[in-house]
Protein backbone atom coordinates (compact mmCIF):
# COMPACT_ATOMS: atom_id res chain seq x y z
CA UNK A 1 11.54 -23.78 0.06
CA UNK A 2 10.51 -21.05 2.50
CA UNK A 3 6.89 -21.44 3.57
CA UNK A 4 4.44 -18.88 4.90
CA UNK A 5 4.05 -18.16 8.61
CA UNK A 6 1.67 -20.48 10.47
CA UNK A 7 -1.56 -18.67 11.30
CA UNK A 8 -1.15 -16.14 8.48
CA UNK A 9 -2.75 -17.88 5.49
CA UNK A 10 -2.51 -16.66 1.93
CA UNK A 11 -5.70 -15.54 0.20
CA UNK A 12 -5.42 -17.22 -3.19
CA UNK A 13 -6.90 -15.96 -6.47
CA UNK A 14 -9.85 -18.38 -6.39
CA UNK A 15 -10.72 -17.11 -2.88
CA UNK A 16 -10.18 -13.38 -3.29
CA UNK A 17 -13.51 -12.81 -5.02
CA UNK A 18 -15.33 -13.75 -1.81
CA UNK A 19 -13.31 -11.18 0.12
CA UNK A 20 -13.95 -8.49 -2.47
CA UNK A 21 -17.69 -9.20 -2.40
CA UNK A 22 -17.75 -9.12 1.40
CA UNK A 23 -15.98 -5.77 1.56
CA UNK A 24 -18.06 -4.32 -1.28
CA UNK A 25 -21.28 -5.09 0.62
CA UNK A 26 -19.79 -3.59 3.79
CA UNK A 27 -18.86 -0.35 2.02
CA UNK A 28 -22.33 -0.09 0.48
CA UNK A 29 -24.15 -0.55 3.81
CA UNK A 30 -21.77 1.75 5.71
CA UNK A 31 -22.20 4.45 3.08
CA UNK A 32 -25.97 4.33 3.61
CA UNK A 33 -25.45 4.97 7.32
CA UNK A 34 -23.15 7.93 6.68
CA UNK A 35 -19.78 6.34 7.57
CA UNK A 36 -16.53 7.42 5.88
CA UNK A 37 -13.49 5.20 5.38
CA UNK A 38 -10.23 5.87 7.22
CA UNK A 39 -6.95 4.03 6.66
CA UNK A 40 -4.43 4.04 9.48
CA UNK A 41 -0.93 2.49 9.48
CA UNK A 42 -0.69 -1.18 10.42
CA UNK A 43 1.88 -0.31 13.10
CA UNK A 44 1.74 2.31 15.84
CA UNK A 45 3.71 3.32 18.90
CA UNK A 46 3.39 0.51 21.44
CA UNK A 47 2.21 2.97 24.10
CA UNK A 48 -0.99 3.55 22.12
CA UNK A 49 -2.16 -0.03 22.55
CA UNK A 50 -0.88 -0.41 26.12
CA UNK A 51 -2.84 2.67 27.21
CA UNK A 52 -5.78 2.13 24.90
CA UNK A 53 -6.41 -1.60 25.32
CA UNK A 54 -5.15 -1.97 28.89
CA UNK A 55 -2.00 -3.44 30.44
CA UNK A 56 -3.94 -6.24 32.14
CA UNK A 57 -5.49 -7.63 28.95
CA UNK A 58 -4.34 -10.82 27.26
CA UNK A 59 -3.74 -8.83 24.07
CA UNK A 60 -1.13 -6.57 25.67
CA UNK A 61 0.39 -9.17 27.98
CA UNK A 62 0.63 -12.10 25.55
CA UNK A 63 -0.44 -11.40 21.99
CA UNK A 64 1.06 -8.21 20.56
CA UNK A 65 3.74 -8.24 17.88
CA UNK A 66 6.07 -5.62 19.36
CA UNK A 67 9.54 -4.65 18.11
CA UNK A 68 12.10 -1.86 18.36
CA UNK A 69 12.74 -0.03 15.11
CA UNK A 70 16.23 1.10 14.07
CA UNK A 71 15.79 4.31 16.01
CA UNK A 72 15.08 2.37 19.21
CA UNK A 73 11.37 3.27 19.31
CA UNK A 74 8.98 0.51 20.39
CA UNK A 75 6.38 -0.18 17.70
CA UNK A 76 3.53 -2.71 17.53
CA UNK A 77 1.56 -4.21 14.66
CA UNK A 78 -2.02 -3.20 15.35
CA UNK A 79 -3.88 -5.95 17.26
CA UNK A 80 -7.18 -4.06 16.87
CA UNK A 81 -8.29 -0.90 15.10
CA UNK A 82 -10.20 1.20 17.65
CA UNK A 83 -7.15 2.68 19.38
CA UNK A 84 -5.61 3.61 16.01
CA UNK A 85 -8.82 5.22 14.79
CA UNK A 86 -9.26 7.20 17.99
CA UNK A 87 -5.62 8.32 17.80
CA UNK A 88 -6.22 9.58 14.25
CA UNK A 89 -9.51 11.23 15.28
CA UNK A 90 -7.82 13.18 18.08
CA UNK A 91 -4.57 13.93 16.25
CA UNK A 92 -6.31 15.40 13.20
CA UNK A 93 -9.12 17.09 15.14
CA UNK A 94 -11.78 15.29 13.13
CA UNK A 95 -14.47 16.35 15.58
CA UNK A 96 -14.06 20.05 14.73
CA UNK A 97 -16.64 19.97 11.94
CA UNK A 98 -19.26 17.70 13.45
CA UNK A 99 -20.41 16.59 16.89
CA UNK A 100 -20.77 13.03 15.58
CA UNK A 101 -17.99 11.52 13.45
CA UNK A 102 -18.68 8.18 11.78
CA UNK A 103 -15.64 6.21 10.60
CA UNK A 104 -14.84 2.72 9.37
CA UNK A 105 -11.65 0.82 8.61
CA UNK A 106 -11.15 -2.43 6.70
CA UNK A 107 -7.81 -4.20 7.00
CA UNK A 108 -5.49 -6.71 8.68
CA UNK A 109 -4.83 -7.02 12.43
CA UNK A 110 -2.09 -9.03 14.15
CA UNK A 111 -2.06 -11.11 17.35
CA UNK A 112 0.36 -13.83 18.38
CA UNK A 113 -2.21 -16.48 19.18
CA UNK A 114 -2.00 -20.24 19.00
CA UNK A 115 -3.45 -20.96 15.55
CA UNK A 116 -6.72 -22.87 15.83
CA UNK A 117 -10.10 -22.99 14.18
CA UNK A 118 -11.35 -19.45 13.61
CA UNK A 119 -8.27 -17.75 15.10
CA UNK A 120 -5.32 -16.44 13.10
CA UNK A 121 -2.16 -14.45 13.74
CA UNK A 122 -3.00 -12.18 10.84
CA UNK A 123 -6.75 -11.67 10.53
CA UNK A 124 -8.98 -9.08 8.93
CA UNK A 125 -11.67 -6.86 10.37
CA UNK A 126 -14.31 -4.36 9.39
CA UNK A 127 -14.10 -1.84 12.23
CA UNK A 128 -16.79 0.81 12.74
CA UNK A 129 -16.73 3.76 15.19
CA UNK A 130 -19.29 6.48 15.99
CA UNK A 131 -17.45 9.20 17.93
CA UNK A 132 -18.88 12.18 19.79
CA UNK A 133 -22.33 11.50 21.28
CA UNK A 134 -23.24 9.82 24.60
CA UNK A 135 -26.93 9.00 24.17
CA UNK A 136 -28.51 5.55 23.85
CA UNK A 137 -29.85 6.42 20.37
CA UNK A 138 -26.30 6.15 18.99
CA UNK A 139 -25.88 2.74 20.64
CA UNK A 140 -29.10 1.54 19.03
CA UNK A 141 -28.17 2.78 15.56
CA UNK A 142 -24.75 1.13 15.80
CA UNK A 143 -26.26 -2.22 16.84
CA UNK A 144 -28.91 -1.87 14.12
CA UNK A 145 -26.16 -1.16 11.58
CA UNK A 146 -24.29 -4.32 12.56
CA UNK A 147 -27.53 -6.32 12.43
CA UNK A 148 -28.20 -4.90 8.93
CA UNK A 149 -24.66 -5.64 7.79
CA UNK A 150 -24.83 -9.30 8.88
CA UNK A 151 -28.15 -9.69 7.05
CA UNK A 152 -26.72 -8.00 3.93
CA UNK A 153 -23.93 -10.59 3.92
CA UNK A 154 -26.59 -13.30 3.92
CA UNK A 155 -25.94 -14.65 7.42
CA UNK A 156 -28.72 -16.54 9.17
CA UNK A 157 -29.22 -17.65 12.76
CA UNK A 158 -27.11 -14.93 14.39
CA UNK A 159 -27.85 -14.27 18.07
CA UNK A 160 -27.36 -10.85 19.63
CA UNK A 161 -26.08 -10.80 23.22
CA UNK A 162 -26.33 -7.49 25.04
CA UNK A 163 -25.20 -6.14 28.41
CA UNK A 164 -24.35 -2.99 30.35
CA UNK A 165 -21.12 -3.02 32.34
CA UNK A 166 -21.75 0.34 33.99
CA UNK A 167 -19.34 3.24 34.15
CA UNK A 168 -16.68 4.62 36.53
CA UNK A 169 -19.44 5.92 38.80
CA UNK A 170 -20.99 2.54 39.58
CA UNK A 171 -18.54 -0.16 38.52
CA UNK A 172 -16.25 0.19 41.59
CA UNK A 173 -19.09 -1.01 43.86
CA UNK A 174 -19.57 -4.08 41.72
CA UNK A 175 -15.83 -4.68 41.53
CA UNK A 176 -15.63 -4.76 45.31
CA UNK A 177 -18.54 -7.21 45.63
CA UNK A 178 -17.22 -9.36 42.78
CA UNK A 179 -13.75 -9.52 44.31
CA UNK A 180 -15.20 -10.64 47.62
CA UNK A 181 -17.11 -13.40 45.80
CA UNK A 182 -14.03 -14.48 43.82
CA UNK A 183 -11.96 -14.63 46.98
CA UNK A 184 -14.36 -17.20 48.40
CA UNK A 185 -13.95 -19.33 45.25
CA UNK A 186 -10.28 -18.71 44.52
CA UNK A 187 -9.34 -22.40 44.53
CA UNK A 188 -11.65 -23.08 41.58
CA UNK A 189 -10.06 -20.38 39.39
CA UNK A 190 -7.23 -20.83 36.89
CA UNK A 191 -3.83 -19.20 37.33
CA UNK A 192 -4.61 -16.47 34.80
CA UNK A 193 -7.73 -15.52 36.75
CA UNK A 194 -5.70 -15.26 39.95
CA UNK A 195 -3.71 -12.56 38.17
CA UNK A 196 -6.88 -10.96 36.79
CA UNK A 197 -8.23 -10.65 40.32
CA UNK A 198 -5.45 -8.20 41.12
CA UNK A 199 -5.42 -6.32 37.81
CA UNK A 200 -8.87 -6.46 36.21
CA UNK A 201 -11.36 -8.70 38.05
CA UNK A 202 -14.18 -8.31 35.50
CA UNK A 203 -12.05 -10.19 32.98
CA UNK A 204 -12.73 -13.34 35.00
CA UNK A 205 -16.24 -13.19 33.49
CA UNK A 206 -14.62 -13.55 30.07
CA UNK A 207 -12.46 -16.58 30.91
CA UNK A 208 -13.17 -19.72 28.86
CA UNK A 209 -11.82 -22.25 31.41
CA UNK A 210 -14.66 -24.55 32.62
CA UNK A 211 -13.93 -24.00 36.33
CA UNK A 212 -13.84 -20.22 35.91
CA UNK A 213 -17.02 -20.25 33.85
CA UNK A 214 -18.77 -22.21 36.61
CA UNK A 215 -17.66 -19.67 39.23
CA UNK A 216 -18.68 -16.76 37.02
CA UNK A 217 -22.13 -18.21 36.39
CA UNK A 218 -22.97 -17.92 40.10
CA UNK A 219 -21.39 -14.50 40.63
CA UNK A 220 -23.41 -11.45 41.71
CA UNK A 221 -25.22 -9.86 38.77
CA UNK A 222 -23.68 -6.63 37.55
CA UNK A 223 -27.15 -5.24 36.79
CA UNK A 224 -27.85 -5.00 40.52
CA UNK A 225 -25.04 -2.47 40.91
CA UNK A 226 -25.77 -0.11 38.01
CA UNK A 227 -26.32 3.52 38.89
CA UNK A 228 -29.58 5.20 37.86
CA UNK A 229 -27.99 6.82 34.80
CA UNK A 230 -26.53 3.56 33.48
CA UNK A 231 -29.75 1.68 34.19
CA UNK A 232 -31.81 4.29 32.32
CA UNK A 233 -29.35 4.25 29.40
CA UNK A 234 -29.52 0.47 29.05
CA UNK A 235 -33.30 0.42 29.44
CA UNK A 236 -33.65 2.85 26.54
CA UNK A 237 -31.27 0.79 24.38
CA UNK A 238 -33.36 -2.34 25.00
CA UNK A 239 -36.67 -0.56 24.40
CA UNK A 240 -35.46 0.91 21.12
CA UNK A 241 -34.16 -2.45 19.89
CA UNK A 242 -37.57 -3.90 20.74
CA UNK A 243 -39.19 -1.15 18.66
CA UNK A 244 -36.89 -2.02 15.73
CA UNK A 245 -37.79 -5.72 16.16
CA UNK A 246 -34.17 -6.71 16.68
CA UNK A 247 -34.13 -9.75 18.96
CA UNK A 248 -31.51 -9.90 21.71
CA UNK A 249 -30.59 -11.72 24.90
CA UNK A 250 -29.31 -9.86 27.96
CA UNK A 251 -26.09 -11.64 28.92
CA UNK A 252 -24.66 -10.43 32.23
CA UNK A 253 -21.39 -12.32 31.63
CA UNK A 254 -20.67 -10.26 28.53
CA UNK A 255 -17.88 -7.84 29.44
CA UNK A 256 -15.76 -8.09 26.26
CA UNK A 257 -11.99 -8.43 26.47
CA UNK A 258 -10.78 -4.82 26.45
CA UNK A 259 -10.43 -2.37 29.31
CA UNK A 260 -11.92 0.64 27.57
CA UNK A 261 -15.57 -0.47 27.44
CA UNK A 262 -18.30 1.30 29.44
CA UNK A 263 -22.06 0.84 29.56
CA UNK A 264 -23.38 -0.96 26.45
CA UNK A 265 -21.51 -4.04 25.23
CA UNK A 266 -22.76 -6.46 22.57
CA UNK A 267 -21.81 -9.50 20.50
CA UNK A 268 -23.36 -11.41 17.63
CA UNK A 269 -22.81 -15.14 17.97
CA UNK A 270 -23.15 -17.95 15.43
CA UNK A 271 -23.98 -21.19 17.28
CA UNK A 272 -22.99 -23.20 14.18
CA UNK A 273 -19.30 -22.27 14.67
CA UNK A 274 -18.81 -24.17 17.94
CA UNK A 275 -16.54 -22.78 20.67
CA UNK A 276 -15.19 -19.85 18.64
CA UNK A 277 -18.66 -18.55 17.81
CA UNK A 278 -18.38 -14.75 18.12
CA UNK A 279 -18.49 -13.19 14.65
CA UNK A 280 -18.77 -9.54 15.68
CA UNK A 281 -18.91 -7.40 18.80
CA UNK A 282 -18.26 -4.05 20.37
CA UNK A 283 -19.51 -1.53 22.83
CA UNK A 284 -19.33 1.98 24.21
CA UNK A 285 -15.98 3.42 25.33
CA UNK A 286 -16.60 6.90 26.68
CA UNK A 287 -13.19 7.30 28.32
CA UNK A 288 -10.83 6.13 25.57
CA UNK A 289 -10.22 9.43 23.79
CA UNK A 290 -9.30 11.07 27.10
CA UNK A 291 -7.13 8.08 28.05
CA UNK A 292 -5.13 8.62 24.87
CA UNK A 293 -4.61 12.32 25.60
CA UNK A 294 -7.63 13.89 23.89
CA UNK A 295 -10.65 15.70 25.26
CA UNK A 296 -13.42 13.67 26.95
CA UNK A 297 -15.39 12.24 24.01
CA UNK A 298 -18.12 9.58 24.23
CA UNK A 299 -17.87 6.89 21.54
CA UNK A 300 -19.18 3.49 20.51
CA UNK A 301 -18.13 0.99 17.89
CA UNK A 302 -17.73 -2.62 16.81
CA UNK A 303 -15.44 -4.95 14.88
CA UNK A 304 -16.38 -7.80 12.56
CA UNK A 305 -13.93 -10.60 11.78
CA UNK A 306 -13.96 -11.19 8.03
CA UNK A 307 -12.64 -14.74 8.43
CA UNK A 308 -15.48 -15.52 10.84
CA UNK A 309 -18.04 -14.16 8.36
CA UNK A 310 -16.66 -16.24 5.50
CA UNK A 311 -16.56 -19.33 7.72
CA UNK A 312 -20.17 -18.71 8.78
CA UNK A 313 -21.26 -18.35 5.16
CA UNK A 314 -19.43 -21.56 4.24
CA UNK A 315 -21.12 -23.46 7.09
CA UNK A 316 -24.60 -22.43 5.99
CA UNK A 317 -23.92 -22.57 2.24
CA UNK A 318 -25.98 -24.75 -0.06
CA UNK A 319 -24.73 -26.16 -3.37
CA UNK A 320 -21.91 -24.20 -4.96
CA UNK A 321 -23.29 -21.84 -7.59
CA UNK A 322 -21.98 -22.30 -11.11
CA UNK A 323 -20.21 -19.13 -12.34
CA UNK A 324 -22.17 -17.31 -15.07
CA UNK A 325 -21.22 -17.57 -18.73
CA UNK A 326 -19.99 -14.07 -19.59
CA UNK A 327 -17.66 -12.02 -21.72
CA UNK A 328 -15.59 -12.44 -24.88
CA UNK A 329 -12.58 -14.61 -25.68
CA UNK A 330 -10.38 -13.30 -28.51
CA UNK A 331 -8.81 -16.25 -30.33
CA UNK A 332 -6.11 -16.20 -33.01
CA UNK A 333 -5.30 -18.65 -35.80
CA UNK A 334 -1.56 -17.90 -35.60
CA UNK A 335 1.16 -15.72 -34.10
CA UNK A 336 0.75 -13.05 -36.75
CA UNK A 337 -2.70 -12.15 -35.41
CA UNK A 338 -1.55 -11.64 -31.81
CA UNK A 339 -1.03 -7.87 -31.99
CA UNK A 340 -4.46 -7.05 -33.47
CA UNK A 341 -5.95 -9.54 -30.96
CA UNK A 342 -4.31 -7.68 -28.07
CA UNK A 343 -5.60 -4.37 -29.42
CA UNK A 344 -9.16 -5.71 -29.74
CA UNK A 345 -9.05 -7.27 -26.27
CA UNK A 346 -8.06 -3.95 -24.72
CA UNK A 347 -10.83 -2.14 -26.63
CA UNK A 348 -13.40 -4.64 -25.32
CA UNK A 349 -12.16 -4.28 -21.73
CA UNK A 350 -12.36 -0.51 -21.97
CA UNK A 351 -15.91 -0.88 -23.24
CA UNK A 352 -16.75 -2.62 -19.95
CA UNK A 353 -16.65 -6.24 -21.10
CA UNK A 354 -14.87 -9.20 -19.56
CA UNK A 355 -12.30 -10.17 -22.19
CA UNK A 356 -9.28 -12.44 -22.52
CA UNK A 357 -6.90 -13.78 -25.15
CA UNK A 358 -4.33 -16.54 -25.37
CA UNK A 359 -0.79 -15.64 -24.29
CA UNK A 360 0.52 -19.23 -24.19
CA UNK A 361 0.68 -20.10 -27.90
CA UNK A 362 -2.18 -22.62 -27.88
CA UNK A 363 -3.67 -23.92 -31.09
CA UNK A 364 -6.98 -22.42 -32.20
CA UNK A 365 -8.75 -25.56 -31.02
CA UNK A 366 -6.99 -25.28 -27.65
CA UNK A 367 -7.98 -21.62 -27.35
CA UNK A 368 -11.67 -22.38 -27.95
CA UNK A 369 -11.47 -25.22 -25.45
CA UNK A 370 -10.03 -22.75 -22.92
CA UNK A 371 -12.81 -20.25 -23.73
CA UNK A 372 -15.38 -22.91 -22.85
CA UNK A 373 -13.52 -23.87 -19.68
CA UNK A 374 -13.39 -20.23 -18.54
CA UNK A 375 -17.11 -19.83 -19.35
CA UNK A 376 -16.90 -17.12 -22.00
CA UNK A 377 -20.19 -16.32 -23.75
CA UNK A 378 -18.66 -15.41 -27.13
CA UNK A 379 -15.40 -15.79 -28.97
CA UNK A 380 -13.96 -13.56 -31.68
CA UNK A 381 -11.65 -15.50 -34.02
CA UNK A 382 -8.93 -13.61 -35.87
CA UNK A 383 -7.74 -15.53 -38.93
CA UNK A 384 -5.10 -14.43 -41.42
CA UNK A 385 -7.39 -14.42 -44.48
CA UNK A 386 -10.29 -12.78 -42.62
CA UNK A 387 -8.06 -10.02 -41.22
CA UNK A 388 -6.72 -9.32 -44.71
CA UNK A 389 -10.33 -8.52 -45.65
CA UNK A 390 -10.86 -6.50 -42.44
CA UNK A 391 -13.20 -9.09 -40.98
CA UNK A 392 -13.32 -11.50 -38.00
CA UNK A 393 -15.50 -14.44 -36.98
CA UNK A 394 -17.92 -13.95 -34.09
CA UNK A 395 -18.91 -17.25 -32.49
CA UNK A 396 -21.70 -17.98 -30.00
CA UNK A 397 -20.06 -20.36 -27.51
CA UNK A 398 -23.42 -21.69 -26.32
CA UNK A 399 -25.31 -22.30 -29.55
CA UNK A 400 -22.29 -22.69 -31.80
CA UNK A 401 -23.54 -20.29 -34.49
CA UNK A 402 -20.90 -18.08 -36.05
CA UNK A 403 -20.76 -15.26 -38.55
CA UNK A 404 -18.23 -12.96 -40.16
CA UNK A 405 -18.41 -9.31 -39.09
CA UNK A 406 -16.23 -6.29 -39.88
CA UNK A 407 -13.35 -5.94 -37.43
CA UNK A 408 -14.16 -2.22 -37.06
CA UNK A 409 -17.70 -3.07 -35.91
CA UNK A 410 -17.16 -6.06 -33.63
CA UNK A 411 -16.61 -4.06 -30.42
CA UNK A 412 -19.77 -2.01 -30.98
CA UNK A 413 -21.77 -5.13 -31.79
CA UNK A 414 -20.62 -6.97 -28.67
CA UNK A 415 -21.16 -3.94 -26.42
CA UNK A 416 -24.70 -3.56 -27.80
CA UNK A 417 -25.78 -7.11 -26.99
CA UNK A 418 -28.31 -7.44 -24.15
CA UNK A 419 -26.66 -7.40 -20.73
CA UNK A 420 -28.01 -10.83 -19.85
CA UNK A 421 -26.14 -12.29 -22.81
CA UNK A 422 -22.76 -10.66 -22.37
CA UNK A 423 -22.04 -9.75 -18.76
């Protein structure tokens, strides 16, 4: 038997409800903040991600699923959504009608990683982008939105880490000082960080190897090299978060893993998850639209890993809640009653009720047993003699009481029952 690909788990029927609930909450919160959904293809031209994410990143060098199509064009399954969303923004001139465009995308991403706890080759993200304005107020609203979203999902104990990584005006000075420091500690760095020193030195701050982390912890602080504009921007972000009573920790090692970030970067961490504890993160990327061939356009955004959220909720979960007793089970005494049972079931569903019937040929006793197992509040029993008189039996599956009612009235009667009793 052919099995699924390692690191790309199936989402089975008894799990999908959690995903639907998660995404429903996300859409509700994002709608309140004025964000509109966009859906981009799951594959793009490889050049988009190479230019957008950066050639020197682990994603581009090691993790992308890249292939040549039949026309010889190099395509890549999207490893993250920001580059795709910015491509769509620029290609369709979405900024023509508004100076600030707010977009979100929910869907799968793909990276060829070694499967481990919290990391998958196909994973799912809620990706949010605010495109068009440079001021710190946008940064604050985006962080506040993410904070709100995590709370709406019911997460507790999240820790916000915040940093400014400067911009092209001030980062070169820090890069020079940082390289000089790394050169003096080269022997303590891993092989990957030796390569990073020549391509993208700040990525050393993001390395998880113990020796590299020790070197990074003693490195010159980036905050000491910020220009006046970047310092003022970050100061206003912090002051506004204080005013909103959103707690944070300034983390000068936080550079994120992608080349396009400038100024504000942030992550929400869940200490309960162990080593892979980042559940969401993002930052400002004022040069990305221009890098992809558009006009200079300041932007900021974040991505939330849905798997990480579900894992976090599972870790903090209490006793499993018992599903509510809801809806109507339409039972039949024999095969002759199946067609009217199907018709009644469809009527009930169209009236907004949860409804089911037996399609497996169970006995009446077996059907009522199944109705109890599936936690139906009522059953409607269609018997041959009752149907001949235009009547059915309505049974209360909790109390056991039952009564005959006209078939023509049963849907109205069920739909009129108090909501707490039926759905």
